[in-house]
């Protein structure tokens, strides 16, 4: 057999194997992702998503790239216990409160520190359609659209999950200490926007580009822009004012 032909066949076979492995891995990853509903949690005052800090176990809202894998969280419902766990899809760490009420991420699942309750606004973030949830109670499987939520610890003393505009968390047990003392809390310090994950069809170079102004990304469909940016989460002030007229500090 001609050596060039043999080499071409070998390379083609190798590429086909790689493609098959890639497809299998993608299918397996998609299956893993479907185990629990997955969401991103956006904090308007800092224009960022909740993640674990790079150099500590502190929970922060400083990541502004909606395509980063570490902004995705699994919603693990524990309806029998009246709450849920949030687990980071990338690191497999749980969102918890430590002994002084500071929001952290940790590998170990501590029931009292990690079980959360979520108050969910009985109104779609945008569009104005009513959804019939009892006041202060969210569904076991949240709706696939952006909604306003207010998370808190479920057990023992109620500790709310909240942040300052600098992205650091509020420490419930020592409110005057840390990088987020009570006197610099923004008005809606304990409100997050729960956003669905970005659809696969929107993971394109055009939509992921950071060099273009939001809303003018090259060839990125408007539908994708809406989903990527949580139906334009930058315009939430009016919605927050209507739903939550008081700061709730």
Protein backbone atom coordinates (compact mmCIF):
# COMPACT_ATOMS: atom_id res chain seq x y z
CA UNK A 1 0.00 0.00 0.00
CA UNK A 2 1.20 3.49 -0.81
CA UNK A 3 2.71 5.03 2.34
CA UNK A 4 0.90 8.37 1.82
CA UNK A 5 -2.43 6.58 1.40
CA UNK A 6 -1.77 4.51 4.52
CA UNK A 7 -0.91 7.67 6.47
CA UNK A 8 -4.10 9.40 5.26
CA UNK A 9 -6.24 6.43 6.30
CA UNK A 10 -4.53 6.29 9.69
CA UNK A 11 -5.07 10.02 10.32
CA UNK A 12 -8.71 9.77 9.22
CA UNK A 13 -9.29 6.81 11.52
CA UNK A 14 -7.72 8.69 14.41
CA UNK A 15 -9.92 11.73 13.79
CA UNK A 16 -13.03 9.54 13.65
CA UNK A 17 -12.09 7.95 16.98
CA UNK A 18 -11.56 11.38 18.52
CA UNK A 19 -14.93 12.58 17.23
CA UNK A 20 -16.63 9.49 18.61
CA UNK A 21 -14.98 9.95 22.02
CA UNK A 22 -15.92 13.62 22.04
CA UNK A 23 -19.54 12.84 21.22
CA UNK A 24 -19.65 10.18 23.94
CA UNK A 25 -18.13 12.55 26.49
CA UNK A 26 -20.58 15.29 25.55
CA UNK A 27 -23.49 12.91 25.86
CA UNK A 28 -22.23 11.75 29.25
CA UNK A 29 -21.77 15.32 30.43
CA UNK A 30 -25.26 16.27 29.26
CA UNK A 31 -26.64 13.28 31.16
CA UNK A 32 -24.80 14.44 34.28
CA UNK A 33 -26.17 17.94 33.86
CA UNK A 34 -29.73 16.62 33.66
CA UNK A 35 -29.58 15.00 37.13
CA UNK A 36 -30.72 18.27 38.74
CA UNK A 37 -32.02 21.62 37.44
CA UNK A 38 -29.11 24.00 36.86
CA UNK A 39 -29.14 27.77 37.30
CA UNK A 40 -26.93 30.84 37.42
CA UNK A 41 -27.46 33.35 40.23
CA UNK A 42 -26.98 37.00 39.27
CA UNK A 43 -26.54 39.86 41.75
CA UNK A 44 -27.53 43.21 40.13
CA UNK A 45 -25.59 45.60 42.45
CA UNK A 46 -22.26 44.08 41.42
CA UNK A 47 -23.34 42.95 37.92
CA UNK A 48 -21.91 39.51 38.59
CA UNK A 49 -22.73 35.87 39.36
CA UNK A 50 -22.14 33.94 42.57
CA UNK A 51 -19.08 31.65 42.67
CA UNK A 52 -16.50 30.49 45.14
CA UNK A 53 -13.51 32.80 45.57
CA UNK A 54 -10.31 31.75 43.79
CA UNK A 55 -8.09 31.91 46.88
CA UNK A 56 -10.46 31.00 49.73
CA UNK A 57 -13.72 29.26 50.55
CA UNK A 58 -15.62 32.57 50.59
CA UNK A 59 -18.72 32.85 48.41
CA UNK A 60 -18.49 35.97 46.23
CA UNK A 61 -20.31 37.72 43.38
CA UNK A 62 -17.41 38.91 41.22
CA UNK A 63 -17.55 36.76 38.08
CA UNK A 64 -19.10 38.71 35.20
CA UNK A 65 -18.63 36.18 32.41
CA UNK A 66 -21.93 34.26 32.05
CA UNK A 67 -20.14 31.50 30.09
CA UNK A 68 -17.80 30.47 32.91
CA UNK A 69 -18.64 26.99 34.15
CA UNK A 70 -18.18 27.99 37.77
CA UNK A 71 -21.30 30.19 37.66
CA UNK A 72 -23.60 27.16 37.23
CA UNK A 73 -25.26 25.62 40.30
CA UNK A 74 -27.30 22.45 40.76
CA UNK A 75 -30.64 22.91 42.52
CA UNK A 76 -30.96 19.80 44.72
CA UNK A 77 -34.45 19.80 46.20
CA UNK A 78 -35.04 18.26 49.63
CA UNK A 79 -38.78 18.81 49.89
CA UNK A 80 -39.12 16.33 52.76
CA UNK A 81 -36.89 18.61 54.82
CA UNK A 82 -38.49 21.80 53.51
CA UNK A 83 -35.44 23.09 51.68
CA UNK A 84 -32.73 22.54 49.09
CA UNK A 85 -29.00 22.39 48.54
CA UNK A 86 -27.07 24.38 45.95
CA UNK A 87 -24.00 22.60 44.56
CA UNK A 88 -21.54 24.18 42.13
CA UNK A 89 -21.52 22.17 38.93
CA UNK A 90 -17.85 22.87 38.24
CA UNK A 91 -16.27 22.35 41.67
CA UNK A 92 -18.96 20.12 43.25
CA UNK A 93 -18.82 22.33 46.36
CA UNK A 94 -21.95 23.20 48.33
CA UNK A 95 -23.17 26.68 49.19
CA UNK A 96 -23.27 26.83 52.99
CA UNK A 97 -23.06 29.13 56.00
CA UNK A 98 -20.17 28.74 58.43
CA UNK A 99 -20.51 29.02 62.22
CA UNK A 100 -20.54 32.85 62.18
CA UNK A 101 -23.07 33.13 59.37
CA UNK A 102 -20.66 33.77 56.51
CA UNK A 103 -21.64 32.31 53.10
CA UNK A 104 -18.96 29.84 51.98
CA UNK A 105 -18.42 26.91 49.62
CA UNK A 106 -17.31 23.53 50.94
CA UNK A 107 -16.99 19.92 49.82
CA UNK A 108 -18.52 18.51 52.99
CA UNK A 109 -22.31 18.61 53.18
CA UNK A 110 -23.32 19.95 56.58
CA UNK A 111 -27.08 19.62 56.87
CA UNK A 112 -27.70 22.51 59.26
CA UNK A 113 -25.28 24.87 57.55
CA UNK A 114 -26.08 24.00 53.93
CA UNK A 115 -29.85 23.43 53.79
CA UNK A 116 -31.45 26.54 52.28
CA UNK A 117 -34.94 27.94 51.85
CA UNK A 118 -35.76 30.26 48.97
CA UNK A 119 -38.45 32.91 48.87
CA UNK A 120 -39.53 33.40 45.28
CA UNK A 121 -41.41 36.41 43.93
CA UNK A 122 -44.85 35.32 42.61
CA UNK A 123 -44.28 37.13 39.33
CA UNK A 124 -42.25 36.48 36.22
CA UNK A 125 -39.16 38.65 36.08
CA UNK A 126 -40.30 40.05 32.76
CA UNK A 127 -43.52 39.73 30.78
CA UNK A 128 -45.90 40.23 33.71
CA UNK A 129 -47.52 36.78 33.68
CA UNK A 130 -48.64 35.58 37.09
CA UNK A 131 -47.51 32.26 38.54
CA UNK A 132 -49.52 30.78 41.39
CA UNK A 133 -46.97 30.08 44.12
CA UNK A 134 -47.96 30.61 47.75
CA UNK A 135 -46.34 33.70 49.22
CA UNK A 136 -42.72 33.05 50.14
CA UNK A 137 -42.70 29.53 48.71
CA UNK A 138 -40.95 28.41 45.54
CA UNK A 139 -41.65 25.28 43.48
CA UNK A 140 -39.66 22.06 43.80
CA UNK A 141 -38.52 22.53 40.21
CA UNK A 142 -38.26 26.26 39.51
CA UNK A 143 -39.56 27.70 36.23
CA UNK A 144 -37.25 27.97 33.19
CA UNK A 145 -37.25 31.76 33.17
CA UNK A 146 -35.48 34.38 35.32
CA UNK A 147 -37.10 34.99 38.70
CA UNK A 148 -36.25 37.01 41.78
CA UNK A 149 -35.27 34.94 44.81
CA UNK A 150 -34.21 35.56 48.40
CA UNK A 151 -32.22 32.59 49.81
CA UNK A 152 -31.65 31.96 53.52
CA UNK A 153 -30.49 29.20 55.83
CA UNK A 154 -33.31 26.78 56.61
CA UNK A 155 -32.26 25.45 60.01
CA UNK A 156 -31.86 27.10 63.41
CA UNK A 157 -31.31 30.87 63.27
CA UNK A 158 -32.36 32.43 59.95
CA UNK A 159 -29.32 33.75 58.11
CA UNK A 160 -29.91 35.47 54.79
CA UNK A 161 -27.63 35.15 51.80
CA UNK A 162 -26.57 38.66 50.85
CA UNK A 163 -23.73 40.71 49.42
CA UNK A 164 -22.28 44.18 49.09
CA UNK A 165 -21.64 45.92 45.79
CA UNK A 166 -17.96 44.98 46.11
CA UNK A 167 -18.94 41.34 45.67
CA UNK A 168 -18.12 40.19 49.21
CA UNK A 169 -20.71 38.38 51.36
CA UNK A 170 -22.52 39.75 54.40
CA UNK A 171 -21.57 37.93 57.62
CA UNK A 172 -24.81 37.45 59.55
CA UNK A 173 -23.22 36.70 62.92
CA UNK A 174 -20.82 39.68 62.90
CA UNK A 175 -22.66 42.31 60.82
CA UNK A 176 -20.19 45.11 61.59
CA UNK A 177 -17.10 43.16 60.51
CA UNK A 178 -15.58 41.88 57.30
CA UNK A 179 -15.44 43.37 53.81
CA UNK A 180 -19.24 43.77 53.75
CA UNK A 181 -20.39 45.53 56.94
CA UNK A 182 -24.07 46.28 57.41
CA UNK A 183 -23.76 50.03 56.75
CA UNK A 184 -22.61 49.58 53.13
CA UNK A 185 -25.23 47.00 52.14
CA UNK A 186 -27.06 47.98 48.93
CA UNK A 187 -30.82 48.35 48.95
CA UNK A 188 -31.56 44.86 47.60
CA UNK A 189 -28.59 43.17 49.23
CA UNK A 190 -30.34 39.81 49.71
CA UNK A 191 -31.99 39.52 46.27
CA UNK A 192 -30.62 37.36 43.46
CA UNK A 193 -31.90 36.74 39.96
CA UNK A 194 -32.10 33.03 39.23
CA UNK A 195 -31.26 32.52 35.56
CA UNK A 196 -31.52 29.33 33.48
CA UNK A 197 -28.33 27.97 31.94
CA UNK A 198 -27.28 29.20 28.51
CA UNK A 199 -28.64 26.90 25.76
CA UNK A 200 -26.09 24.92 23.72
CA UNK A 201 -27.09 26.75 20.54
CA UNK A 202 -25.88 30.03 22.07
CA UNK A 203 -22.36 28.80 22.81
CA UNK A 204 -20.95 30.35 19.66
CA UNK A 205 -17.94 32.56 19.04
CA UNK A 206 -20.24 35.44 18.14
CA UNK A 207 -22.26 35.18 21.35
CA UNK A 208 -19.24 34.56 23.56
CA UNK A 209 -17.31 37.54 22.23
CA UNK A 210 -16.37 40.04 24.90
CA UNK A 211 -14.88 42.57 22.50
CA UNK A 212 -18.25 43.91 21.37
CA UNK A 213 -20.75 45.95 23.33
CA UNK A 214 -23.62 43.96 24.83
CA UNK A 215 -26.56 43.97 22.44
CA UNK A 216 -24.35 44.43 19.39
CA UNK A 217 -22.53 41.12 19.33
CA UNK A 218 -21.74 39.92 15.84
CA UNK A 219 -24.39 37.57 14.46
CA UNK A 220 -25.59 36.52 17.91
CA UNK A 221 -29.41 36.08 17.76
CA UNK A 222 -31.45 38.31 20.04
CA UNK A 223 -33.04 35.24 21.59
CA UNK A 224 -29.58 34.08 22.66
CA UNK A 225 -28.69 37.52 24.00
CA UNK A 226 -31.84 37.47 26.13
CA UNK A 227 -31.01 34.04 27.54
CA UNK A 228 -27.31 34.76 28.07
CA UNK A 229 -28.01 37.98 29.95
CA UNK A 230 -31.05 36.72 31.84
CA UNK A 231 -33.56 38.70 29.76
CA UNK A 232 -31.51 41.86 30.16
CA UNK A 233 -30.85 41.68 33.89
CA UNK A 234 -29.40 45.19 33.73
CA UNK A 235 -32.98 46.53 33.73
CA UNK A 236 -34.08 44.93 36.98
CA UNK A 237 -34.29 48.09 39.11
CA UNK A 238 -37.86 48.84 38.04
CA UNK A 239 -38.94 45.23 38.57
CA UNK A 240 -37.31 45.18 41.99
CA UNK A 241 -39.00 48.46 42.93
CA UNK A 242 -42.41 47.05 42.02
CA UNK A 243 -41.95 43.70 43.74
CA UNK A 244 -39.86 44.75 46.74
CA UNK A 245 -40.53 48.40 47.60
CA UNK A 246 -38.72 48.06 50.93
CA UNK A 247 -35.05 47.23 51.29
CA UNK A 248 -35.68 44.59 53.94
CA UNK A 249 -32.49 45.33 55.90
